[in-house]
Every structure is written in C-alpha cells, then in structure tokens.
Amino acid sequence: MVQDHSFEEIEVGDCASISKTISEADIFAYAGITGDLNPNLLLGTYKYAK
C-alpha cells in the first residue's frame, strides 16, 4: 500500500487504490457542476443493465 510511504520510497511498479461510495450529495454536486439535470440521474429512475 503506497499511502504509508514517503515519495522517496515509492518505486516503479508500486500501486495503490482508493474507493468511495457515491452518495446522493455526490450525484447532485455532479449535476450542478456539469449542468446534467437528466431526471433519470437525479431521481434514481435509471436502471442498470446486468
């Protein structure tokens, strides 16, 4: 895990990952920033393909 190392300790081939659960606030922030006011996005009516 790279986050516990200083810049000098990071070597080629090292990797790290992050994760985030997308919240309703994130969706509305995205809509505000991009101007994407699609009701499917904002109202949660979009169905994901499986």
PDB file of N, CA and C in Angstrom:
ATOM      1  N   MET A   1       0.850  -1.183   0.000  1.00  0.00           N
ATOM      2  CA  MET A   1       0.000   0.000   0.000  1.00  0.00           C
ATOM      3  C   MET A   1       0.892   1.241   0.000  1.00  0.00           C
ATOM      4  N   VAL A   2       0.792   2.070  -0.985  1.00  0.00           N
ATOM      5  CA  VAL A   2       1.674   3.214  -1.181  1.00  0.00           C
ATOM      6  C   VAL A   2       1.398   4.340  -0.193  1.00  0.00           C
ATOM      7  N   GLN A   3       0.196   4.480   0.291  1.00  0.00           N
ATOM      8  CA  GLN A   3      -0.148   5.639   1.116  1.00  0.00           C
ATOM      9  C   GLN A   3       0.641   5.711   2.422  1.00  0.00           C
ATOM     10  N   ASP A   4       1.257   4.627   2.850  1.00  0.00           N
ATOM     11  CA  ASP A   4       2.052   4.637   4.073  1.00  0.00           C
ATOM     12  C   ASP A   4       3.532   4.903   3.810  1.00  0.00           C
ATOM     13  N   HIS A   5       3.858   5.310   2.588  1.00  0.00           N
ATOM     14  CA  HIS A   5       5.251   5.537   2.211  1.00  0.00           C
ATOM     15  C   HIS A   5       5.469   6.994   1.811  1.00  0.00           C
ATOM     16  N   SER A   6       6.699   7.456   1.997  1.00  0.00           N
ATOM     17  CA  SER A   6       7.047   8.793   1.518  1.00  0.00           C
ATOM     18  C   SER A   6       7.287   8.724   0.018  1.00  0.00           C
ATOM     19  N   PHE A   7       7.358   9.878  -0.624  1.00  0.00           N
ATOM     20  CA  PHE A   7       7.583   9.943  -2.067  1.00  0.00           C
ATOM     21  C   PHE A   7       8.865   9.217  -2.453  1.00  0.00           C
ATOM     22  N   GLU A   8       9.904   9.369  -1.638  1.00  0.00           N
ATOM     23  CA  GLU A   8      11.196   8.756  -1.943  1.00  0.00           C
ATOM     24  C   GLU A   8      11.134   7.230  -1.897  1.00  0.00           C
ATOM     25  N   GLU A   9      10.213   6.669  -1.143  1.00  0.00           N
ATOM     26  CA  GLU A   9      10.108   5.212  -1.010  1.00  0.00           C
ATOM     27  C   GLU A   9       9.293   4.562  -2.127  1.00  0.00           C
ATOM     28  N   ILE A  10       8.580   5.342  -2.913  1.00  0.00           N
ATOM     29  CA  ILE A  10       7.744   4.790  -3.976  1.00  0.00           C
ATOM     30  C   ILE A  10       8.623   4.372  -5.142  1.00  0.00           C
ATOM     31  N   GLU A  11       8.409   3.159  -5.630  1.00  0.00           N
ATOM     32  CA  GLU A  11       9.198   2.620  -6.728  1.00  0.00           C
ATOM     33  C   GLU A  11       8.296   2.275  -7.909  1.00  0.00           C
ATOM     34  N   VAL A  12       8.914   2.171  -9.084  1.00  0.00           N
ATOM     35  CA  VAL A  12       8.189   1.746 -10.276  1.00  0.00           C
ATOM     36  C   VAL A  12       7.552   0.392  -9.987  1.00  0.00           C
ATOM     37  N   GLY A  13       6.285   0.263 -10.311  1.00  0.00           N
ATOM     38  CA  GLY A  13       5.566  -0.987 -10.083  1.00  0.00           C
ATOM     39  C   GLY A  13       4.713  -0.966  -8.830  1.00  0.00           C
ATOM     40  N   ASP A  14       4.976  -0.021  -7.907  1.00  0.00           N
ATOM     41  CA  ASP A  14       4.118   0.112  -6.734  1.00  0.00           C
ATOM     42  C   ASP A  14       2.739   0.571  -7.187  1.00  0.00           C
ATOM     43  N   CYS A  15       1.734   0.232  -6.431  1.00  0.00           N
ATOM     44  CA  CYS A  15       0.385   0.665  -6.787  1.00  0.00           C
ATOM     45  C   CYS A  15      -0.420   0.941  -5.526  1.00  0.00           C
ATOM     46  N   ALA A  16      -1.509   1.629  -5.726  1.00  0.00           N
ATOM     47  CA  ALA A  16      -2.425   1.944  -4.636  1.00  0.00           C
ATOM     48  C   ALA A  16      -3.821   2.018  -5.223  1.00  0.00           C
ATOM     49  N   SER A  17      -4.799   1.911  -4.378  1.00  0.00           N
ATOM     50  CA  SER A  17      -6.176   2.042  -4.850  1.00  0.00           C
ATOM     51  C   SER A  17      -6.984   2.802  -3.813  1.00  0.00           C
ATOM     52  N   ILE A  18      -8.042   3.411  -4.292  1.00  0.00           N
ATOM     53  CA  ILE A  18      -8.969   4.109  -3.413  1.00  0.00           C
ATOM     54  C   ILE A  18     -10.377   3.649  -3.761  1.00  0.00           C
ATOM     55  N   SER A  19     -11.281   3.835  -2.852  1.00  0.00           N
ATOM     56  CA  SER A  19     -12.679   3.535  -3.142  1.00  0.00           C
ATOM     57  C   SER A  19     -13.547   4.592  -2.477  1.00  0.00           C
ATOM     58  N   LYS A  20     -14.716   4.792  -3.036  1.00  0.00           N
ATOM     59  CA  LYS A  20     -15.656   5.766  -2.489  1.00  0.00           C
ATOM     60  C   LYS A  20     -17.057   5.298  -2.820  1.00  0.00           C
ATOM     61  N   THR A  21     -17.928   5.347  -1.857  1.00  0.00           N
ATOM     62  CA  THR A  21     -19.333   5.083  -2.095  1.00  0.00           C
ATOM     63  C   THR A  21     -19.964   6.388  -2.548  1.00  0.00           C
ATOM     64  N   ILE A  22     -20.610   6.357  -3.709  1.00  0.00           N
ATOM     65  CA  ILE A  22     -21.229   7.559  -4.263  1.00  0.00           C
ATOM     66  C   ILE A  22     -22.515   7.855  -3.501  1.00  0.00           C
ATOM     67  N   SER A  23     -22.609   9.066  -2.968  1.00  0.00           N
ATOM     68  CA  SER A  23     -23.782   9.465  -2.190  1.00  0.00           C
ATOM     69  C   SER A  23     -24.730  10.315  -3.039  1.00  0.00           C
ATOM     70  N   GLU A  24     -25.911  10.533  -2.516  1.00  0.00           N
ATOM     71  CA  GLU A  24     -26.875  11.402  -3.191  1.00  0.00           C
ATOM     72  C   GLU A  24     -26.297  12.806  -3.353  1.00  0.00           C
ATOM     73  N   ALA A  25     -25.565  13.275  -2.357  1.00  0.00           N
ATOM     74  CA  ALA A  25     -24.934  14.597  -2.445  1.00  0.00           C
ATOM     75  C   ALA A  25     -23.929  14.646  -3.594  1.00  0.00           C
ATOM     76  N   ASP A  26     -23.193  13.551  -3.819  1.00  0.00           N
ATOM     77  CA  ASP A  26     -22.256  13.488  -4.947  1.00  0.00           C
ATOM     78  C   ASP A  26     -22.996  13.611  -6.275  1.00  0.00           C
ATOM     79  N   ILE A  27     -24.142  12.951  -6.396  1.00  0.00           N
ATOM     80  CA  ILE A  27     -24.933  12.999  -7.629  1.00  0.00           C
ATOM     81  C   ILE A  27     -25.393  14.428  -7.901  1.00  0.00           C
ATOM     82  N   PHE A  28     -25.906  15.099  -6.881  1.00  0.00           N
ATOM     83  CA  PHE A  28     -26.379  16.471  -7.067  1.00  0.00           C
ATOM     84  C   PHE A  28     -25.223  17.440  -7.322  1.00  0.00           C
ATOM     85  N   ALA A  29     -24.074  17.203  -6.705  1.00  0.00           N
ATOM     86  CA  ALA A  29     -22.902  18.038  -6.980  1.00  0.00           C
ATOM     87  C   ALA A  29     -22.465  17.865  -8.430  1.00  0.00           C
ATOM     88  N   TYR A  30     -22.459  16.622  -8.914  1.00  0.00           N
ATOM     89  CA  TYR A  30     -22.114  16.355 -10.314  1.00  0.00           C
ATOM     90  C   TYR A  30     -23.092  17.071 -11.244  1.00  0.00           C
ATOM     91  N   ALA A  31     -24.380  16.973 -10.942  1.00  0.00           N
ATOM     92  CA  ALA A  31     -25.396  17.624 -11.778  1.00  0.00           C
ATOM     93  C   ALA A  31     -25.175  19.132 -11.806  1.00  0.00           C
ATOM     94  N   GLY A  32     -24.865  19.720 -10.667  1.00  0.00           N
ATOM     95  CA  GLY A  32     -24.638  21.157 -10.607  1.00  0.00           C
ATOM     96  C   GLY A  32     -23.406  21.598 -11.367  1.00  0.00           C
ATOM     97  N   ILE A  33     -22.346  20.812 -11.277  1.00  0.00           N
ATOM     98  CA  ILE A  33     -21.095  21.167 -11.952  1.00  0.00           C
ATOM     99  C   ILE A  33     -21.210  21.015 -13.460  1.00  0.00           C
ATOM    100  N   THR A  34     -21.859  19.929 -13.904  1.00  0.00           N
ATOM    101  CA  THR A  34     -21.904  19.622 -15.334  1.00  0.00           C
ATOM    102  C   THR A  34     -23.124  20.189 -16.042  1.00  0.00           C
ATOM    103  N   GLY A  35     -24.144  20.581 -15.266  1.00  0.00           N
ATOM    104  CA  GLY A  35     -25.392  21.029 -15.877  1.00  0.00           C
ATOM    105  C   GLY A  35     -26.244  19.872 -16.370  1.00  0.00           C
ATOM    106  N   ASP A  36     -25.877  18.635 -16.025  1.00  0.00           N
ATOM    107  CA  ASP A  36     -26.632  17.444 -16.423  1.00  0.00           C
ATOM    108  C   ASP A  36     -27.799  17.263 -15.457  1.00  0.00           C
ATOM    109  N   LEU A  37     -28.956  17.778 -15.836  1.00  0.00           N
ATOM    110  CA  LEU A  37     -30.132  17.724 -14.972  1.00  0.00           C
ATOM    111  C   LEU A  37     -31.111  16.642 -15.422  1.00  0.00           C
ATOM    112  N   ASN A  38     -30.594  15.608 -16.062  1.00  0.00           N
ATOM    113  CA  ASN A  38     -31.405  14.497 -16.530  1.00  0.00           C
ATOM    114  C   ASN A  38     -32.154  13.875 -15.350  1.00  0.00           C
ATOM    115  N   PRO A  39     -33.488  13.799 -15.419  1.00  0.00           N
ATOM    116  CA  PRO A  39     -34.265  13.229 -14.311  1.00  0.00           C
ATOM    117  C   PRO A  39     -33.890  11.784 -13.995  1.00  0.00           C
ATOM    118  N   ASN A  40     -33.451  11.025 -14.999  1.00  0.00           N
ATOM    119  CA  ASN A  40     -33.032   9.648 -14.727  1.00  0.00           C
ATOM    120  C   ASN A  40     -31.852   9.614 -13.768  1.00  0.00           C
ATOM    121  N   LEU A  41     -30.975  10.574 -13.874  1.00  0.00           N
ATOM    122  CA  LEU A  41     -29.829  10.666 -12.976  1.00  0.00           C
ATOM    123  C   LEU A  41     -30.266  11.173 -11.604  1.00  0.00           C
ATOM    124  N   LEU A  42     -31.041  12.240 -11.596  1.00  0.00           N
ATOM    125  CA  LEU A  42     -31.375  12.906 -10.337  1.00  0.00           C
ATOM    126  C   LEU A  42     -32.444  12.183  -9.527  1.00  0.00           C
ATOM    127  N   LEU A  43     -33.355  11.502 -10.190  1.00  0.00           N
ATOM    128  CA  LEU A  43     -34.454  10.846  -9.478  1.00  0.00           C
ATOM    129  C   LEU A  43     -34.201   9.366  -9.234  1.00  0.00           C
ATOM    130  N   GLY A  44     -33.077   8.878  -9.706  1.00  0.00           N
ATOM    131  CA  GLY A  44     -32.741   7.475  -9.474  1.00  0.00           C
ATOM    132  C   GLY A  44     -33.604   6.504 -10.248  1.00  0.00           C
ATOM    133  N   THR A  45     -34.164   6.936 -11.374  1.00  0.00           N
ATOM    134  CA  THR A  45     -35.035   6.055 -12.146  1.00  0.00           C
ATOM    135  C   THR A  45     -34.277   5.256 -13.192  1.00  0.00           C
ATOM    136  N   TYR A  46     -32.996   5.537 -13.368  1.00  0.00           N
ATOM    137  CA  TYR A  46     -32.192   4.819 -14.355  1.00  0.00           C
ATOM    138  C   TYR A  46     -31.964   3.399 -13.873  1.00  0.00           C
ATOM    139  N   LYS A  47     -32.190   2.436 -14.733  1.00  0.00           N
ATOM    140  CA  LYS A  47     -31.976   1.028 -14.388  1.00  0.00           C
ATOM    141  C   LYS A  47     -30.675   0.556 -15.020  1.00  0.00           C
ATOM    142  N   TYR A  48     -29.831  -0.056 -14.222  1.00  0.00           N
ATOM    143  CA  TYR A  48     -28.552  -0.542 -14.716  1.00  0.00           C
ATOM    144  C   TYR A  48     -28.743  -1.874 -15.428  1.00  0.00           C
ATOM    145  N   ALA A  49     -28.076  -2.029 -16.555  1.00  0.00           N
ATOM    146  CA  ALA A  49     -28.117  -3.292 -17.295  1.00  0.00           C
ATOM    147  C   ALA A  49     -27.275  -4.325 -16.560  1.00  0.00           C
ATOM    148  N   LYS A  50     -27.749  -5.549 -16.551  1.00  0.00           N
ATOM    149  CA  LYS A  50     -26.999  -6.620 -15.878  1.00  0.00           C
ATOM    150  C   LYS A  50     -26.427  -7.573 -16.879  1.00  0.00           C
TER     151      LYS A  50
END
